[in-house]
Amino acid sequence: FWRKYGTARTDNLPEEQFDAMWTHFFNNPLLDRYELRRGLNVVHDFDMIPEPHLVETMFYACRRLNDYAMTVRILEGIKDKIPKDPIVYQWMLQELGPCMEELGIVTPDELGLHIAPR
């Protein structure tokens, strides 16, 4: 199981196969919280920003497991990957808008997580 998802062998996959593999992973009805977090960490470790449809799949997996905090962490991870290009982050939020509205997800900025405590 581990070798199929998230080893160095997935680095060389074409984009369509990569997205299909991870979409299948996050749509697995037997996915538990541990495997969700492991999969999210593996995808985050790649030197790329996931496509919006893959992020939607991650959101729905979080919803199935009732893990709202992880949806916020996914958005934080995306924002941290592109700190010098806020246009890409805004585009991502625009693409994810309908899904976020459906699931009731708010951004880390709307939660005030970007403000340091005093």
N, C-alpha and C. Protein backbone atom coordinates (compact mmCIF):
# COMPACT_ATOMS: atom_id res chain seq x y z
N PHE A 1 0.83 -1.20 0.00
CA PHE A 1 0.00 0.00 0.00
C PHE A 1 0.87 1.26 0.00
N TRP A 2 1.86 1.29 0.88
CA TRP A 2 2.71 2.47 0.95
C TRP A 2 3.47 2.71 -0.34
N ARG A 3 3.95 1.67 -0.97
CA ARG A 3 4.73 1.85 -2.18
C ARG A 3 3.87 2.35 -3.33
N LYS A 4 2.60 2.04 -3.31
CA LYS A 4 1.74 2.49 -4.39
C LYS A 4 1.48 4.00 -4.30
N TYR A 5 1.36 4.51 -3.10
CA TYR A 5 1.06 5.93 -2.91
C TYR A 5 2.21 6.61 -2.19
N GLY A 6 2.84 7.55 -2.85
CA GLY A 6 3.74 8.44 -2.14
C GLY A 6 5.21 8.07 -2.13
N THR A 7 5.67 7.16 -2.94
CA THR A 7 7.10 6.92 -2.99
C THR A 7 7.70 7.78 -4.09
N ALA A 8 9.00 7.75 -4.20
CA ALA A 8 9.68 8.57 -5.20
C ALA A 8 9.25 8.19 -6.62
N ARG A 9 8.71 7.00 -6.78
CA ARG A 9 8.29 6.58 -8.12
C ARG A 9 7.16 7.44 -8.67
N THR A 10 6.39 8.10 -7.82
CA THR A 10 5.29 8.93 -8.29
C THR A 10 5.77 10.27 -8.82
N ASP A 11 7.04 10.60 -8.57
CA ASP A 11 7.58 11.87 -9.07
C ASP A 11 7.59 11.94 -10.59
N ASN A 12 7.73 10.81 -11.25
CA ASN A 12 7.89 10.81 -12.70
C ASN A 12 6.59 10.54 -13.45
N LEU A 13 5.48 10.48 -12.76
CA LEU A 13 4.21 10.22 -13.43
C LEU A 13 3.74 11.44 -14.21
N PRO A 14 3.08 11.22 -15.33
CA PRO A 14 2.45 12.34 -16.02
C PRO A 14 1.39 12.97 -15.10
N GLU A 15 1.10 14.23 -15.33
CA GLU A 15 0.20 14.96 -14.45
C GLU A 15 -1.17 14.29 -14.33
N GLU A 16 -1.70 13.78 -15.43
CA GLU A 16 -3.02 13.15 -15.40
C GLU A 16 -3.02 11.89 -14.53
N GLN A 17 -1.97 11.09 -14.64
CA GLN A 17 -1.88 9.87 -13.83
C GLN A 17 -1.67 10.21 -12.37
N PHE A 18 -0.86 11.22 -12.11
CA PHE A 18 -0.62 11.66 -10.73
C PHE A 18 -1.93 12.09 -10.09
N ASP A 19 -2.69 12.96 -10.79
CA ASP A 19 -3.96 13.43 -10.26
C ASP A 19 -4.95 12.29 -10.08
N ALA A 20 -5.00 11.37 -11.05
CA ALA A 20 -5.93 10.24 -10.95
C ALA A 20 -5.57 9.34 -9.78
N MET A 21 -4.28 9.10 -9.55
CA MET A 21 -3.85 8.26 -8.45
C MET A 21 -4.25 8.86 -7.10
N TRP A 22 -3.99 10.15 -6.94
CA TRP A 22 -4.31 10.78 -5.65
C TRP A 22 -5.80 11.01 -5.49
N THR A 23 -6.52 11.24 -6.57
CA THR A 23 -7.97 11.35 -6.48
C THR A 23 -8.55 10.03 -6.00
N HIS A 24 -8.05 8.93 -6.57
CA HIS A 24 -8.48 7.60 -6.13
C HIS A 24 -8.14 7.39 -4.66
N PHE A 25 -6.96 7.81 -4.25
CA PHE A 25 -6.53 7.66 -2.85
C PHE A 25 -7.48 8.38 -1.91
N PHE A 26 -7.77 9.66 -2.20
CA PHE A 26 -8.61 10.46 -1.29
C PHE A 26 -10.09 10.09 -1.38
N ASN A 27 -10.52 9.46 -2.46
CA ASN A 27 -11.91 9.03 -2.59
C ASN A 27 -12.17 7.65 -1.97
N ASN A 28 -11.13 7.00 -1.50
CA ASN A 28 -11.27 5.67 -0.91
C ASN A 28 -12.17 5.74 0.32
N PRO A 29 -13.30 5.01 0.32
CA PRO A 29 -14.20 5.06 1.48
C PRO A 29 -13.60 4.46 2.75
N LEU A 30 -12.53 3.67 2.62
CA LEU A 30 -11.88 3.08 3.79
C LEU A 30 -10.77 3.96 4.36
N LEU A 31 -10.59 5.12 3.78
CA LEU A 31 -9.55 6.05 4.24
C LEU A 31 -9.82 6.46 5.68
N ASP A 32 -8.81 6.37 6.54
CA ASP A 32 -8.97 6.82 7.92
C ASP A 32 -8.14 8.09 8.13
N ARG A 33 -8.20 8.65 9.33
CA ARG A 33 -7.51 9.91 9.59
C ARG A 33 -5.99 9.80 9.42
N TYR A 34 -5.44 8.68 9.85
CA TYR A 34 -4.00 8.50 9.70
C TYR A 34 -3.60 8.52 8.22
N GLU A 35 -4.30 7.74 7.41
CA GLU A 35 -3.97 7.67 5.99
C GLU A 35 -4.25 9.02 5.30
N LEU A 36 -5.29 9.71 5.71
CA LEU A 36 -5.57 11.05 5.16
C LEU A 36 -4.39 11.97 5.42
N ARG A 37 -3.95 12.03 6.65
CA ARG A 37 -2.82 12.92 6.99
C ARG A 37 -1.55 12.50 6.26
N ARG A 38 -1.32 11.20 6.18
CA ARG A 38 -0.12 10.73 5.48
C ARG A 38 -0.18 11.12 4.01
N GLY A 39 -1.32 10.92 3.38
CA GLY A 39 -1.47 11.29 1.98
C GLY A 39 -1.31 12.79 1.75
N LEU A 40 -1.90 13.59 2.63
CA LEU A 40 -1.76 15.04 2.51
C LEU A 40 -0.31 15.47 2.66
N ASN A 41 0.41 14.85 3.60
CA ASN A 41 1.82 15.18 3.79
C ASN A 41 2.65 14.82 2.57
N VAL A 42 2.37 13.67 1.99
CA VAL A 42 3.12 13.25 0.80
C VAL A 42 2.87 14.20 -0.35
N VAL A 43 1.61 14.56 -0.58
CA VAL A 43 1.29 15.49 -1.67
C VAL A 43 1.91 16.86 -1.40
N HIS A 44 1.89 17.29 -0.15
CA HIS A 44 2.46 18.59 0.19
C HIS A 44 3.98 18.61 -0.02
N ASP A 45 4.62 17.47 0.18
CA ASP A 45 6.08 17.42 0.05
C ASP A 45 6.56 17.52 -1.39
N PHE A 46 5.68 17.27 -2.36
CA PHE A 46 6.08 17.41 -3.75
C PHE A 46 6.28 18.89 -4.08
N ASP A 47 7.18 19.14 -5.00
CA ASP A 47 7.48 20.52 -5.40
C ASP A 47 6.46 20.97 -6.45
N MET A 48 5.21 21.11 -6.02
CA MET A 48 4.15 21.55 -6.91
C MET A 48 2.96 21.98 -6.07
N ILE A 49 2.07 22.71 -6.69
CA ILE A 49 0.82 23.10 -6.06
C ILE A 49 -0.26 22.20 -6.65
N PRO A 50 -1.03 21.52 -5.83
CA PRO A 50 -2.04 20.61 -6.38
C PRO A 50 -3.12 21.36 -7.15
N GLU A 51 -3.65 20.71 -8.16
CA GLU A 51 -4.73 21.28 -8.95
C GLU A 51 -5.97 21.47 -8.08
N PRO A 52 -6.80 22.46 -8.39
CA PRO A 52 -8.00 22.69 -7.57
C PRO A 52 -8.92 21.47 -7.43
N HIS A 53 -9.05 20.68 -8.50
CA HIS A 53 -9.92 19.51 -8.38
C HIS A 53 -9.36 18.48 -7.41
N LEU A 54 -8.04 18.40 -7.29
CA LEU A 54 -7.43 17.49 -6.32
C LEU A 54 -7.64 18.03 -4.90
N VAL A 55 -7.54 19.34 -4.74
CA VAL A 55 -7.78 19.94 -3.42
C VAL A 55 -9.24 19.74 -3.01
N GLU A 56 -10.16 19.84 -3.95
CA GLU A 56 -11.57 19.56 -3.64
C GLU A 56 -11.73 18.13 -3.14
N THR A 57 -11.04 17.20 -3.78
CA THR A 57 -11.10 15.80 -3.34
C THR A 57 -10.57 15.67 -1.91
N MET A 58 -9.51 16.41 -1.61
CA MET A 58 -8.98 16.40 -0.25
C MET A 58 -10.01 16.95 0.74
N PHE A 59 -10.68 18.04 0.36
CA PHE A 59 -11.71 18.64 1.22
C PHE A 59 -12.83 17.64 1.50
N TYR A 60 -13.29 16.95 0.46
CA TYR A 60 -14.38 15.99 0.65
C TYR A 60 -13.93 14.81 1.53
N ALA A 61 -12.67 14.42 1.41
CA ALA A 61 -12.16 13.36 2.29
C ALA A 61 -12.14 13.85 3.74
N CYS A 62 -11.74 15.09 3.94
CA CYS A 62 -11.76 15.65 5.30
C CYS A 62 -13.18 15.70 5.83
N ARG A 63 -14.13 16.04 4.98
CA ARG A 63 -15.53 16.12 5.41
C ARG A 63 -16.05 14.73 5.79
N ARG A 64 -15.71 13.72 5.00
CA ARG A 64 -16.14 12.36 5.34
C ARG A 64 -15.63 11.94 6.71
N LEU A 65 -14.42 12.41 7.06
CA LEU A 65 -13.82 12.05 8.34
C LEU A 65 -14.10 13.08 9.43
N ASN A 66 -14.90 14.09 9.11
CA ASN A 66 -15.28 15.14 10.05
C ASN A 66 -14.03 15.83 10.63
N ASP A 67 -13.11 16.20 9.75
CA ASP A 67 -11.85 16.83 10.16
C ASP A 67 -11.75 18.21 9.54
N TYR A 68 -12.50 19.16 10.09
CA TYR A 68 -12.53 20.52 9.56
C TYR A 68 -11.17 21.20 9.67
N ALA A 69 -10.48 20.98 10.78
CA ALA A 69 -9.19 21.63 10.99
C ALA A 69 -8.20 21.28 9.88
N MET A 70 -8.29 20.08 9.35
CA MET A 70 -7.37 19.68 8.29
C MET A 70 -7.63 20.47 7.01
N THR A 71 -8.89 20.86 6.75
CA THR A 71 -9.16 21.67 5.56
C THR A 71 -8.46 23.02 5.66
N VAL A 72 -8.43 23.58 6.85
CA VAL A 72 -7.74 24.86 7.05
C VAL A 72 -6.24 24.66 6.88
N ARG A 73 -5.72 23.54 7.36
CA ARG A 73 -4.29 23.25 7.21
C ARG A 73 -3.91 23.07 5.73
N ILE A 74 -4.81 22.48 4.95
CA ILE A 74 -4.55 22.34 3.51
C ILE A 74 -4.41 23.72 2.88
N LEU A 75 -5.31 24.62 3.21
CA LEU A 75 -5.23 25.98 2.66
C LEU A 75 -3.98 26.70 3.14
N GLU A 76 -3.60 26.50 4.40
CA GLU A 76 -2.36 27.11 4.90
C GLU A 76 -1.15 26.57 4.14
N GLY A 77 -1.15 25.28 3.88
CA GLY A 77 -0.04 24.68 3.15
C GLY A 77 0.08 25.23 1.74
N ILE A 78 -1.06 25.42 1.08
CA ILE A 78 -1.04 25.99 -0.27
C ILE A 78 -0.53 27.42 -0.23
N LYS A 79 -1.01 28.18 0.73
CA LYS A 79 -0.58 29.58 0.84
C LYS A 79 0.91 29.68 1.16
N ASP A 80 1.41 28.79 2.01
CA ASP A 80 2.83 28.80 2.36
C ASP A 80 3.72 28.41 1.19
N LYS A 81 3.21 27.63 0.27
CA LYS A 81 4.01 27.23 -0.89
C LYS A 81 4.20 28.35 -1.88
N ILE A 82 3.33 29.35 -1.87
CA ILE A 82 3.40 30.43 -2.85
C ILE A 82 3.38 31.80 -2.17
N PRO A 83 4.31 32.06 -1.25
CA PRO A 83 4.24 33.32 -0.49
C PRO A 83 4.51 34.56 -1.34
N LYS A 84 5.23 34.42 -2.43
CA LYS A 84 5.59 35.60 -3.23
C LYS A 84 4.64 35.85 -4.39
N ASP A 85 3.62 35.00 -4.53
CA ASP A 85 2.69 35.15 -5.63
C ASP A 85 1.25 35.01 -5.14
N PRO A 86 0.71 36.07 -4.51
CA PRO A 86 -0.65 35.97 -3.96
C PRO A 86 -1.72 35.81 -5.04
N ILE A 87 -1.39 36.12 -6.29
CA ILE A 87 -2.37 35.98 -7.37
C ILE A 87 -2.74 34.50 -7.55
N VAL A 88 -1.77 33.61 -7.44
CA VAL A 88 -2.04 32.17 -7.59
C VAL A 88 -2.93 31.70 -6.45
N TYR A 89 -2.67 32.17 -5.23
CA TYR A 89 -3.50 31.78 -4.09
C TYR A 89 -4.93 32.29 -4.27
N GLN A 90 -5.08 33.52 -4.74
CA GLN A 90 -6.42 34.06 -4.98
C GLN A 90 -7.14 33.27 -6.08
N TRP A 91 -6.39 32.88 -7.12
CA TRP A 91 -6.98 32.05 -8.17
C TRP A 91 -7.45 30.71 -7.59
N MET A 92 -6.62 30.12 -6.73
CA MET A 92 -6.98 28.84 -6.11
C MET A 92 -8.25 28.99 -5.29
N LEU A 93 -8.34 30.06 -4.50
CA LEU A 93 -9.54 30.30 -3.69
C LEU A 93 -10.77 30.51 -4.58
N GLN A 94 -10.58 31.19 -5.70
CA GLN A 94 -11.68 31.42 -6.64
C GLN A 94 -12.17 30.08 -7.22
N GLU A 95 -11.23 29.22 -7.59
CA GLU A 95 -11.60 27.92 -8.15
C GLU A 95 -12.26 27.02 -7.10
N LEU A 96 -11.81 27.15 -5.85
CA LEU A 96 -12.34 26.31 -4.78
C LEU A 96 -13.57 26.91 -4.13
N GLY A 97 -13.95 28.12 -4.49
CA GLY A 97 -15.05 28.84 -3.86
C GLY A 97 -16.34 28.05 -3.73
N PRO A 98 -16.88 27.48 -4.82
CA PRO A 98 -18.13 26.73 -4.69
C PRO A 98 -18.03 25.54 -3.73
N CYS A 99 -16.93 24.82 -3.79
CA CYS A 99 -16.73 23.68 -2.90
C CYS A 99 -16.61 24.14 -1.45
N MET A 100 -15.86 25.21 -1.23
CA MET A 100 -15.69 25.73 0.13
C MET A 100 -17.01 26.23 0.69
N GLU A 101 -17.79 26.86 -0.15
CA GLU A 101 -19.10 27.35 0.30
C GLU A 101 -20.02 26.17 0.64
N GLU A 102 -20.00 25.15 -0.20
CA GLU A 102 -20.83 23.97 0.03
C GLU A 102 -20.48 23.28 1.35
N LEU A 103 -19.17 23.20 1.64
CA LEU A 103 -18.72 22.50 2.84
C LEU A 103 -18.59 23.41 4.06
N GLY A 104 -18.77 24.72 3.87
CA GLY A 104 -18.67 25.66 4.99
C GLY A 104 -17.25 25.91 5.44
N ILE A 105 -16.31 25.87 4.50
CA ILE A 105 -14.90 26.07 4.82
C ILE A 105 -14.56 27.55 4.67
N VAL A 106 -13.87 28.09 5.66
CA VAL A 106 -13.39 29.46 5.56
C VAL A 106 -11.87 29.44 5.51
N THR A 107 -11.29 30.50 4.98
CA THR A 107 -9.84 30.55 4.81
C THR A 107 -9.16 30.86 6.15
N PRO A 108 -7.87 30.56 6.25
CA PRO A 108 -7.14 30.92 7.47
C PRO A 108 -7.17 32.43 7.73
N ASP A 109 -7.18 33.24 6.67
CA ASP A 109 -7.25 34.68 6.85
C ASP A 109 -8.58 35.10 7.48
N GLU A 110 -9.67 34.48 7.04
CA GLU A 110 -10.98 34.79 7.60
C GLU A 110 -11.09 34.35 9.06
N LEU A 111 -10.33 33.34 9.44
CA LEU A 111 -10.31 32.89 10.82
C LEU A 111 -9.37 33.72 11.69
N GLY A 112 -8.57 34.59 11.04
CA GLY A 112 -7.62 35.41 11.78
C GLY A 112 -6.36 34.66 12.16
N LEU A 113 -6.05 33.59 11.47
CA LEU A 113 -4.86 32.81 11.81
C LEU A 113 -3.56 33.44 11.33
N HIS A 114 -3.66 34.46 10.51
CA HIS A 114 -2.45 35.12 10.03
C HIS A 114 -1.99 36.20 11.00
N ILE A 115 -2.77 36.48 12.03
CA ILE A 115 -2.42 37.51 13.01
C ILE A 115 -1.73 36.84 14.18
N ALA A 116 -0.55 37.33 14.51
CA ALA A 116 0.21 36.76 15.62
C ALA A 116 -0.43 37.18 16.95
N PRO A 117 -0.51 36.24 17.90
CA PRO A 117 -1.09 36.60 19.21
C PRO A 117 -0.16 37.52 19.96
N ARG A 118 -0.73 38.33 20.83
CA ARG A 118 0.08 39.28 21.62
C ARG A 118 0.36 38.74 22.99
